[in-house]
């Protein structure tokens, strides 16, 4: 879970500095766990109360199965 939070914080920092976080597979654990967990990032646009907002999602995936997901709203899609 700590890795997921670190990726969320990094993505928010990229957005706050005017960018959009990268998407796709971003990391895999190297001996920290017995399983082979990879992390994926994605950005989706959602409409909340008529306003488009970007949601940044980080998923921990173990052998093709999402075992943990965390997300946060970044802000307007017209940053």
N, C-alpha and C. Protein backbone atom coordinates (compact mmCIF):
# COMPACT_ATOMS: atom_id res chain seq x y z
N UNK A 1 0.82 -1.19 0.00
CA UNK A 1 0.00 0.00 0.00
C UNK A 1 0.87 1.26 0.00
N UNK A 2 1.99 1.24 0.68
CA UNK A 2 2.86 2.41 0.74
C UNK A 2 3.33 2.82 -0.65
N UNK A 3 3.68 1.85 -1.49
CA UNK A 3 4.09 2.17 -2.86
C UNK A 3 2.97 2.89 -3.60
N UNK A 4 1.73 2.39 -3.44
CA UNK A 4 0.59 3.01 -4.12
C UNK A 4 0.42 4.46 -3.69
N UNK A 5 0.55 4.72 -2.40
CA UNK A 5 0.44 6.09 -1.91
C UNK A 5 1.55 6.98 -2.46
N UNK A 6 2.74 6.44 -2.58
CA UNK A 6 3.86 7.20 -3.13
C UNK A 6 3.58 7.58 -4.59
N UNK A 7 3.01 6.65 -5.36
CA UNK A 7 2.70 6.93 -6.76
C UNK A 7 1.59 7.97 -6.87
N UNK A 8 0.60 7.90 -5.97
CA UNK A 8 -0.48 8.91 -5.96
C UNK A 8 0.12 10.29 -5.69
N UNK A 9 0.98 10.39 -4.68
CA UNK A 9 1.59 11.68 -4.34
C UNK A 9 2.44 12.21 -5.50
N UNK A 10 3.18 11.33 -6.16
CA UNK A 10 4.01 11.74 -7.30
C UNK A 10 3.13 12.23 -8.45
N UNK A 11 2.03 11.54 -8.70
CA UNK A 11 1.11 11.94 -9.76
C UNK A 11 0.48 13.29 -9.48
N UNK A 12 0.10 13.52 -8.22
CA UNK A 12 -0.46 14.81 -7.84
C UNK A 12 0.56 15.92 -8.04
N UNK A 13 1.81 15.66 -7.72
CA UNK A 13 2.88 16.66 -7.89
C UNK A 13 3.06 17.00 -9.36
N UNK A 14 3.00 16.00 -10.24
CA UNK A 14 3.12 16.24 -11.68
C UNK A 14 1.97 17.14 -12.15
N UNK A 15 0.75 16.81 -11.72
CA UNK A 15 -0.41 17.60 -12.11
C UNK A 15 -0.29 19.03 -11.58
N UNK A 16 0.12 19.18 -10.32
CA UNK A 16 0.24 20.51 -9.71
C UNK A 16 1.29 21.36 -10.41
N UNK A 17 2.26 20.72 -11.05
CA UNK A 17 3.29 21.48 -11.77
C UNK A 17 2.92 21.69 -13.24
N UNK A 18 1.66 21.38 -13.59
CA UNK A 18 1.17 21.67 -14.94
C UNK A 18 1.15 20.50 -15.89
N UNK A 19 1.56 19.32 -15.45
CA UNK A 19 1.59 18.16 -16.33
C UNK A 19 0.46 17.19 -16.06
N UNK A 20 0.49 16.09 -16.77
CA UNK A 20 -0.45 14.98 -16.57
C UNK A 20 0.40 13.76 -16.22
N UNK A 21 0.05 13.03 -15.15
CA UNK A 21 0.83 11.85 -14.77
C UNK A 21 0.91 10.83 -15.90
N UNK A 22 2.03 10.12 -15.97
CA UNK A 22 2.18 9.08 -16.97
C UNK A 22 1.21 7.94 -16.66
N UNK A 23 0.87 7.18 -17.69
CA UNK A 23 -0.05 6.06 -17.50
C UNK A 23 0.63 4.77 -17.94
N UNK A 24 0.06 3.66 -17.53
CA UNK A 24 0.60 2.35 -17.89
C UNK A 24 1.29 1.69 -16.71
N UNK A 25 2.06 0.66 -17.00
CA UNK A 25 2.79 -0.07 -15.95
C UNK A 25 3.97 0.78 -15.52
N UNK A 26 4.09 1.02 -14.22
CA UNK A 26 5.14 1.92 -13.75
C UNK A 26 6.19 1.24 -12.90
N UNK A 27 5.89 0.08 -12.34
CA UNK A 27 6.88 -0.54 -11.47
C UNK A 27 6.48 -1.98 -11.18
N UNK A 28 7.44 -2.75 -10.78
CA UNK A 28 7.15 -4.07 -10.22
C UNK A 28 8.08 -4.28 -9.05
N UNK A 29 7.61 -5.01 -8.07
CA UNK A 29 8.42 -5.19 -6.87
C UNK A 29 9.61 -6.08 -7.17
N UNK A 30 10.70 -5.84 -6.48
CA UNK A 30 11.93 -6.61 -6.67
C UNK A 30 12.30 -7.32 -5.37
N UNK A 31 11.60 -8.38 -5.07
CA UNK A 31 11.94 -9.15 -3.89
C UNK A 31 11.36 -8.64 -2.59
N UNK A 32 10.58 -7.55 -2.64
CA UNK A 32 9.97 -7.05 -1.42
C UNK A 32 8.83 -7.95 -0.96
N UNK A 33 8.17 -8.58 -1.92
CA UNK A 33 7.05 -9.47 -1.61
C UNK A 33 7.30 -10.83 -2.25
N UNK A 34 6.56 -11.82 -1.80
CA UNK A 34 6.68 -13.14 -2.41
C UNK A 34 6.00 -13.18 -3.76
N UNK A 35 5.03 -12.28 -3.98
CA UNK A 35 4.31 -12.26 -5.25
C UNK A 35 4.94 -11.26 -6.21
N UNK A 36 4.57 -11.35 -7.46
CA UNK A 36 5.04 -10.42 -8.48
C UNK A 36 3.99 -9.33 -8.69
N UNK A 37 4.07 -8.29 -7.91
CA UNK A 37 3.10 -7.21 -8.01
C UNK A 37 3.64 -6.13 -8.93
N UNK A 38 2.80 -5.74 -9.88
CA UNK A 38 3.11 -4.60 -10.73
C UNK A 38 2.13 -3.49 -10.42
N UNK A 39 2.53 -2.28 -10.71
CA UNK A 39 1.66 -1.13 -10.46
C UNK A 39 1.32 -0.49 -11.79
N UNK A 40 0.06 -0.13 -11.95
CA UNK A 40 -0.37 0.57 -13.15
C UNK A 40 -1.02 1.89 -12.75
N UNK A 41 -0.84 2.89 -13.59
CA UNK A 41 -1.44 4.20 -13.37
C UNK A 41 -2.36 4.50 -14.54
N UNK A 42 -3.46 5.17 -14.24
CA UNK A 42 -4.34 5.64 -15.31
C UNK A 42 -4.98 6.95 -14.88
N UNK A 43 -5.40 7.71 -15.88
CA UNK A 43 -6.11 8.96 -15.64
C UNK A 43 -7.42 8.89 -16.40
N UNK A 44 -8.53 9.13 -15.71
CA UNK A 44 -9.83 9.15 -16.36
C UNK A 44 -10.48 10.50 -16.11
N UNK A 45 -11.38 10.85 -17.00
CA UNK A 45 -12.13 12.09 -16.84
C UNK A 45 -13.53 11.74 -16.37
N UNK A 46 -13.96 12.35 -15.29
CA UNK A 46 -15.29 12.10 -14.75
C UNK A 46 -16.03 13.42 -14.63
N UNK A 47 -17.34 13.35 -14.74
CA UNK A 47 -18.16 14.55 -14.58
C UNK A 47 -18.83 14.47 -13.22
N UNK A 48 -18.55 15.47 -12.39
CA UNK A 48 -19.12 15.56 -11.05
C UNK A 48 -19.88 16.88 -10.96
N UNK A 49 -21.17 16.80 -10.74
CA UNK A 49 -22.02 18.01 -10.68
C UNK A 49 -21.82 18.90 -11.89
N UNK A 50 -21.70 18.28 -13.07
CA UNK A 50 -21.58 19.02 -14.31
C UNK A 50 -20.18 19.54 -14.63
N UNK A 51 -19.20 19.21 -13.80
CA UNK A 51 -17.83 19.69 -14.00
C UNK A 51 -16.92 18.50 -14.32
N UNK A 52 -16.11 18.62 -15.38
CA UNK A 52 -15.15 17.57 -15.73
C UNK A 52 -13.95 17.63 -14.79
N UNK A 53 -13.67 16.50 -14.16
CA UNK A 53 -12.55 16.42 -13.22
C UNK A 53 -11.73 15.18 -13.56
N UNK A 54 -10.41 15.31 -13.49
CA UNK A 54 -9.53 14.17 -13.74
C UNK A 54 -9.35 13.34 -12.47
N UNK A 55 -9.49 12.03 -12.62
CA UNK A 55 -9.23 11.10 -11.52
C UNK A 55 -7.96 10.32 -11.86
N UNK A 56 -7.03 10.27 -10.92
CA UNK A 56 -5.77 9.55 -11.08
C UNK A 56 -5.86 8.27 -10.27
N UNK A 57 -5.63 7.13 -10.91
CA UNK A 57 -5.82 5.81 -10.30
C UNK A 57 -4.51 5.03 -10.32
N UNK A 58 -4.18 4.42 -9.20
CA UNK A 58 -3.03 3.51 -9.11
C UNK A 58 -3.56 2.15 -8.67
N UNK A 59 -3.20 1.11 -9.41
CA UNK A 59 -3.62 -0.25 -9.08
C UNK A 59 -2.40 -1.13 -8.84
N UNK A 60 -2.49 -1.97 -7.82
CA UNK A 60 -1.50 -3.01 -7.59
C UNK A 60 -2.07 -4.29 -8.19
N UNK A 61 -1.32 -4.90 -9.11
CA UNK A 61 -1.81 -6.07 -9.84
C UNK A 61 -0.88 -7.24 -9.59
N UNK A 62 -1.46 -8.36 -9.16
CA UNK A 62 -0.70 -9.57 -8.87
C UNK A 62 -1.18 -10.67 -9.82
N UNK A 63 -0.32 -11.06 -10.74
CA UNK A 63 -0.64 -12.11 -11.72
C UNK A 63 -1.95 -11.82 -12.45
N UNK A 64 -2.13 -10.57 -12.88
CA UNK A 64 -3.30 -10.20 -13.67
C UNK A 64 -4.53 -9.85 -12.86
N UNK A 65 -4.46 -9.94 -11.54
CA UNK A 65 -5.61 -9.65 -10.68
C UNK A 65 -5.32 -8.39 -9.87
N UNK A 66 -6.23 -7.41 -9.94
CA UNK A 66 -6.06 -6.19 -9.14
C UNK A 66 -6.30 -6.53 -7.67
N UNK A 67 -5.27 -6.32 -6.86
CA UNK A 67 -5.37 -6.65 -5.44
C UNK A 67 -5.55 -5.40 -4.57
N UNK A 68 -5.29 -4.23 -5.15
CA UNK A 68 -5.46 -3.00 -4.40
C UNK A 68 -5.58 -1.86 -5.39
N UNK A 69 -6.45 -0.91 -5.09
CA UNK A 69 -6.61 0.27 -5.94
C UNK A 69 -6.82 1.49 -5.07
N UNK A 70 -6.18 2.58 -5.46
CA UNK A 70 -6.36 3.85 -4.76
C UNK A 70 -6.46 4.92 -5.83
N UNK A 71 -7.29 5.94 -5.57
CA UNK A 71 -7.42 7.00 -6.55
C UNK A 71 -7.66 8.32 -5.84
N UNK A 72 -7.46 9.39 -6.60
CA UNK A 72 -7.69 10.73 -6.08
C UNK A 72 -8.12 11.62 -7.24
N UNK A 73 -8.89 12.63 -6.92
CA UNK A 73 -9.22 13.63 -7.94
C UNK A 73 -8.07 14.61 -8.03
N UNK A 74 -7.65 14.93 -9.26
CA UNK A 74 -6.57 15.87 -9.47
C UNK A 74 -7.09 17.30 -9.59
N UNK A 75 -8.13 17.46 -10.37
CA UNK A 75 -8.67 18.79 -10.60
C UNK A 75 -9.27 18.85 -12.00
N UNK A 76 -9.48 20.04 -12.48
CA UNK A 76 -10.09 20.27 -13.76
C UNK A 76 -9.28 19.64 -14.89
N UNK A 77 -9.99 19.13 -15.90
CA UNK A 77 -9.29 18.57 -17.04
C UNK A 77 -8.74 19.67 -17.94
N UNK A 78 -9.11 20.90 -17.69
CA UNK A 78 -8.60 22.06 -18.45
C UNK A 78 -7.66 22.85 -17.57
N UNK A 79 -6.66 22.16 -17.04
CA UNK A 79 -5.71 22.73 -16.07
C UNK A 79 -4.90 23.83 -16.70
